[in-house]
Amino acid sequence: MDMINAIGRRKAAVARVFLTKGEGKMIVNGKDYKDYFPQPHIQSKLVEPFTAAELENVYNLKINVDGGGYKGQAEAVRMAISRALVKLNEDLRKPLKSKKLLTRDARVVERKKYGKPKARKSFQFSKR
């Protein structure tokens, strides 16, 4: 195993993950993942595929993520890690799929319509 790469997407965020054998380091855009994502509930999303596959501290990750907000970026990274683990070992597909880590969440922001202030919100109606 040299290097395995995978792509994950969520909303406007795109994450590229490069997985190599190592001791469990995660570098996101040149920073440690705990510095890049300071919130603990977001950090747990990044580690979730490894806990589901029972592979903590086995692989090093170099992650490039772009676009969207921090939550969308974290979920894009989570999906990319899951896809990389499945590329590595096809037997991990079942535990990852049962936790819905391989499913692309296709919900995106609805576009603004003309004549309205937002996508669905209307101006106040006046009868007279």
C-alpha atoms as a PDB file:
ATOM      1  CA  MET A   1       0.000   0.000   0.000  1.00  0.00           C
ATOM      2  CA  ASP A   2       1.580   3.229  -1.156  1.00  0.00           C
ATOM      3  CA  MET A   3      -1.094   5.936  -1.071  1.00  0.00           C
ATOM      4  CA  ILE A   4      -4.853   5.801  -1.495  1.00  0.00           C
ATOM      5  CA  ASN A   5      -6.853   8.898  -2.394  1.00  0.00           C
ATOM      6  CA  ALA A   6     -10.580   9.604  -2.372  1.00  0.00           C
ATOM      7  CA  ILE A   7     -12.947  12.550  -2.794  1.00  0.00           C
ATOM      8  CA  GLY A   8     -15.917  13.486  -0.590  1.00  0.00           C
ATOM      9  CA  ARG A   9     -18.484  16.229  -1.108  1.00  0.00           C
ATOM     10  CA  ARG A  10     -21.127  17.960   1.030  1.00  0.00           C
ATOM     11  CA  LYS A  11     -23.019  21.157   0.118  1.00  0.00           C
ATOM     12  CA  ALA A  12     -20.336  23.381  -1.476  1.00  0.00           C
ATOM     13  CA  ALA A  13     -17.373  21.643   0.212  1.00  0.00           C
ATOM     14  CA  VAL A  14     -14.997  19.274  -1.584  1.00  0.00           C
ATOM     15  CA  ALA A  15     -12.432  17.189   0.324  1.00  0.00           C
ATOM     16  CA  ARG A  16      -9.511  15.201  -1.088  1.00  0.00           C
ATOM     17  CA  VAL A  17      -8.003  12.620   1.261  1.00  0.00           C
ATOM     18  CA  PHE A  18      -4.621  10.897   0.864  1.00  0.00           C
ATOM     19  CA  LEU A  19      -4.297   7.842   3.125  1.00  0.00           C
ATOM     20  CA  THR A  20      -0.925   6.270   4.006  1.00  0.00           C
ATOM     21  CA  LYS A  21       0.284   3.778   6.623  1.00  0.00           C
ATOM     22  CA  GLY A  22       1.330   5.577   9.825  1.00  0.00           C
ATOM     23  CA  GLU A  23       0.487   6.416  13.410  1.00  0.00           C
ATOM     24  CA  GLY A  24      -2.805   8.300  13.085  1.00  0.00           C
ATOM     25  CA  LYS A  25      -1.870  11.887  12.140  1.00  0.00           C
ATOM     26  CA  MET A  26      -4.507  14.003  10.374  1.00  0.00           C
ATOM     27  CA  ILE A  27      -3.270  17.109   8.557  1.00  0.00           C
ATOM     28  CA  VAL A  28      -6.040  19.335   7.135  1.00  0.00           C
ATOM     29  CA  ASN A  29      -4.848  22.118   4.781  1.00  0.00           C
ATOM     30  CA  GLY A  30      -1.385  22.091   6.411  1.00  0.00           C
ATOM     31  CA  LYS A  31      -2.703  22.197  10.012  1.00  0.00           C
ATOM     32  CA  ASP A  32      -3.494  19.520  12.572  1.00  0.00           C
ATOM     33  CA  TYR A  33      -7.200  18.618  12.402  1.00  0.00           C
ATOM     34  CA  LYS A  34      -7.734  19.774  16.014  1.00  0.00           C
ATOM     35  CA  ASP A  35      -6.443  23.231  15.079  1.00  0.00           C
ATOM     36  CA  TYR A  36      -8.402  23.427  11.817  1.00  0.00           C
ATOM     37  CA  PHE A  37     -11.661  22.185  13.408  1.00  0.00           C
ATOM     38  CA  PRO A  38     -11.527  23.457  17.040  1.00  0.00           C
ATOM     39  CA  GLN A  39     -15.057  22.309  17.990  1.00  0.00           C
ATOM     40  CA  PRO A  40     -15.052  18.837  19.645  1.00  0.00           C
ATOM     41  CA  HIS A  41     -18.365  17.751  18.037  1.00  0.00           C
ATOM     42  CA  ILE A  42     -16.878  18.465  14.590  1.00  0.00           C
ATOM     43  CA  GLN A  43     -13.626  16.632  15.442  1.00  0.00           C
ATOM     44  CA  SER A  44     -15.654  13.533  16.343  1.00  0.00           C
ATOM     45  CA  LYS A  45     -17.158  13.540  12.804  1.00  0.00           C
ATOM     46  CA  LEU A  46     -13.650  13.193  11.325  1.00  0.00           C
ATOM     47  CA  VAL A  47     -12.755  10.223  13.558  1.00  0.00           C
ATOM     48  CA  GLU A  48     -16.133   8.486  13.063  1.00  0.00           C
ATOM     49  CA  PRO A  49     -15.123   6.305  10.041  1.00  0.00           C
ATOM     50  CA  PHE A  50     -12.118   4.948  11.962  1.00  0.00           C
ATOM     51  CA  THR A  51     -14.191   4.083  15.034  1.00  0.00           C
ATOM     52  CA  ALA A  52     -16.823   2.375  12.844  1.00  0.00           C
ATOM     53  CA  ALA A  53     -14.091   0.336  11.112  1.00  0.00           C
ATOM     54  CA  GLU A  54     -12.100  -0.145  14.379  1.00  0.00           C
ATOM     55  CA  LEU A  55      -8.894   1.251  12.831  1.00  0.00           C
ATOM     56  CA  GLU A  56      -7.853   4.057  15.198  1.00  0.00           C
ATOM     57  CA  ASN A  57      -4.209   5.277  14.944  1.00  0.00           C
ATOM     58  CA  VAL A  58      -3.293   3.049  11.981  1.00  0.00           C
ATOM     59  CA  TYR A  59      -3.226   5.492   9.027  1.00  0.00           C
ATOM     60  CA  ASN A  60      -1.886   8.986   8.387  1.00  0.00           C
ATOM     61  CA  LEU A  61      -4.124  11.377   6.464  1.00  0.00           C
ATOM     62  CA  LYS A  62      -3.269  14.409   4.361  1.00  0.00           C
ATOM     63  CA  ILE A  63      -6.496  16.272   3.604  1.00  0.00           C
ATOM     64  CA  ASN A  64      -7.184  19.173   1.230  1.00  0.00           C
ATOM     65  CA  VAL A  65     -10.612  20.732   1.746  1.00  0.00           C
ATOM     66  CA  ASP A  66     -12.139  23.709  -0.025  1.00  0.00           C
ATOM     67  CA  GLY A  67     -15.474  25.545  -0.153  1.00  0.00           C
ATOM     68  CA  GLY A  68     -18.470  25.676   2.165  1.00  0.00           C
ATOM     69  CA  GLY A  69     -18.514  26.166   5.922  1.00  0.00           C
ATOM     70  CA  TYR A  70     -16.791  24.176   8.658  1.00  0.00           C
ATOM     71  CA  LYS A  71     -19.650  21.690   9.101  1.00  0.00           C
ATOM     72  CA  GLY A  72     -19.959  20.962   5.383  1.00  0.00           C
ATOM     73  CA  GLN A  73     -16.185  20.617   5.160  1.00  0.00           C
ATOM     74  CA  ALA A  74     -16.103  18.176   8.091  1.00  0.00           C
ATOM     75  CA  GLU A  75     -18.828  16.005   6.558  1.00  0.00           C
ATOM     76  CA  ALA A  76     -17.058  16.060   3.171  1.00  0.00           C
ATOM     77  CA  VAL A  77     -13.854  14.891   4.890  1.00  0.00           C
ATOM     78  CA  ARG A  78     -15.781  12.156   6.728  1.00  0.00           C
ATOM     79  CA  MET A  79     -17.181  10.840   3.443  1.00  0.00           C
ATOM     80  CA  ALA A  80     -13.761  10.953   1.733  1.00  0.00           C
ATOM     81  CA  ILE A  81     -12.129   9.019   4.610  1.00  0.00           C
ATOM     82  CA  SER A  82     -14.882   6.397   4.418  1.00  0.00           C
ATOM     83  CA  ARG A  83     -14.416   6.008   0.660  1.00  0.00           C
ATOM     84  CA  ALA A  84     -10.636   5.675   1.070  1.00  0.00           C
ATOM     85  CA  LEU A  85     -11.074   2.956   3.710  1.00  0.00           C
ATOM     86  CA  VAL A  86     -13.414   1.024   1.388  1.00  0.00           C
ATOM     87  CA  LYS A  87     -10.833   1.300  -1.422  1.00  0.00           C
ATOM     88  CA  LEU A  88      -8.282  -0.118   1.009  1.00  0.00           C
ATOM     89  CA  ASN A  89     -10.429  -3.008   2.243  1.00  0.00           C
ATOM     90  CA  GLU A  90     -13.793  -3.924   0.674  1.00  0.00           C
ATOM     91  CA  ASP A  91     -14.838  -5.755   3.901  1.00  0.00           C
ATOM     92  CA  LEU A  92     -15.188  -2.368   5.664  1.00  0.00           C
ATOM     93  CA  ARG A  93     -18.056  -1.389   3.346  1.00  0.00           C
ATOM     94  CA  LYS A  94     -20.791  -3.002   5.492  1.00  0.00           C
ATOM     95  CA  PRO A  95     -19.981  -1.309   8.856  1.00  0.00           C
ATOM     96  CA  LEU A  96     -19.437   2.069   7.171  1.00  0.00           C
ATOM     97  CA  LYS A  97     -22.619   1.816   5.086  1.00  0.00           C
ATOM     98  CA  SER A  98     -24.692   0.819   8.131  1.00  0.00           C
ATOM     99  CA  LYS A  99     -23.663   4.119   9.799  1.00  0.00           C
ATOM    100  CA  LYS A 100     -24.519   5.983   6.534  1.00  0.00           C
ATOM    101  CA  LEU A 101     -20.945   7.224   6.092  1.00  0.00           C
ATOM    102  CA  LEU A 102     -20.826   6.314   2.385  1.00  0.00           C
ATOM    103  CA  THR A 103     -24.106   8.072   1.474  1.00  0.00           C
ATOM    104  CA  ARG A 104     -23.787  11.421  -0.304  1.00  0.00           C
ATOM    105  CA  ASP A 105     -26.078  13.984   1.360  1.00  0.00           C
ATOM    106  CA  ALA A 106     -27.390  15.804  -1.720  1.00  0.00           C
ATOM    107  CA  ARG A 107     -29.207  18.613   0.118  1.00  0.00           C
ATOM    108  CA  VAL A 108     -27.966  22.020  -1.020  1.00  0.00           C
ATOM    109  CA  VAL A 109     -29.221  25.578  -0.568  1.00  0.00           C
ATOM    110  CA  GLU A 110     -32.243  26.388  -2.743  1.00  0.00           C
ATOM    111  CA  ARG A 111     -31.706  29.247  -5.184  1.00  0.00           C
ATOM    112  CA  LYS A 112     -33.296  32.674  -4.717  1.00  0.00           C
ATOM    113  CA  LYS A 113     -36.313  33.333  -6.978  1.00  0.00           C
ATOM    114  CA  TYR A 114     -36.981  36.685  -8.647  1.00  0.00           C
ATOM    115  CA  GLY A 115     -39.688  38.848  -7.044  1.00  0.00           C
ATOM    116  CA  LYS A 116     -38.942  37.368  -3.609  1.00  0.00           C
ATOM    117  CA  PRO A 117     -36.456  38.415  -0.904  1.00  0.00           C
ATOM    118  CA  LYS A 118     -35.214  34.825  -0.370  1.00  0.00           C
ATOM    119  CA  ALA A 119     -35.899  31.415  -1.909  1.00  0.00           C
ATOM    120  CA  ARG A 120     -39.464  31.065  -0.576  1.00  0.00           C
ATOM    121  CA  LYS A 121     -40.077  34.056   1.684  1.00  0.00           C
ATOM    122  CA  SER A 122     -42.534  36.607   0.294  1.00  0.00           C
ATOM    123  CA  PHE A 123     -43.078  40.270   1.024  1.00  0.00           C
ATOM    124  CA  GLN A 124     -45.969  41.105   3.365  1.00  0.00           C
ATOM    125  CA  PHE A 125     -49.328  40.831   1.593  1.00  0.00           C
ATOM    126  CA  SER A 126     -51.546  43.919   1.615  1.00  0.00           C
ATOM    127  CA  LYS A 127     -55.192  43.549   0.604  1.00  0.00           C
ATOM    128  CA  ARG A 128     -55.749  47.322   0.295  1.00  0.00           C
END
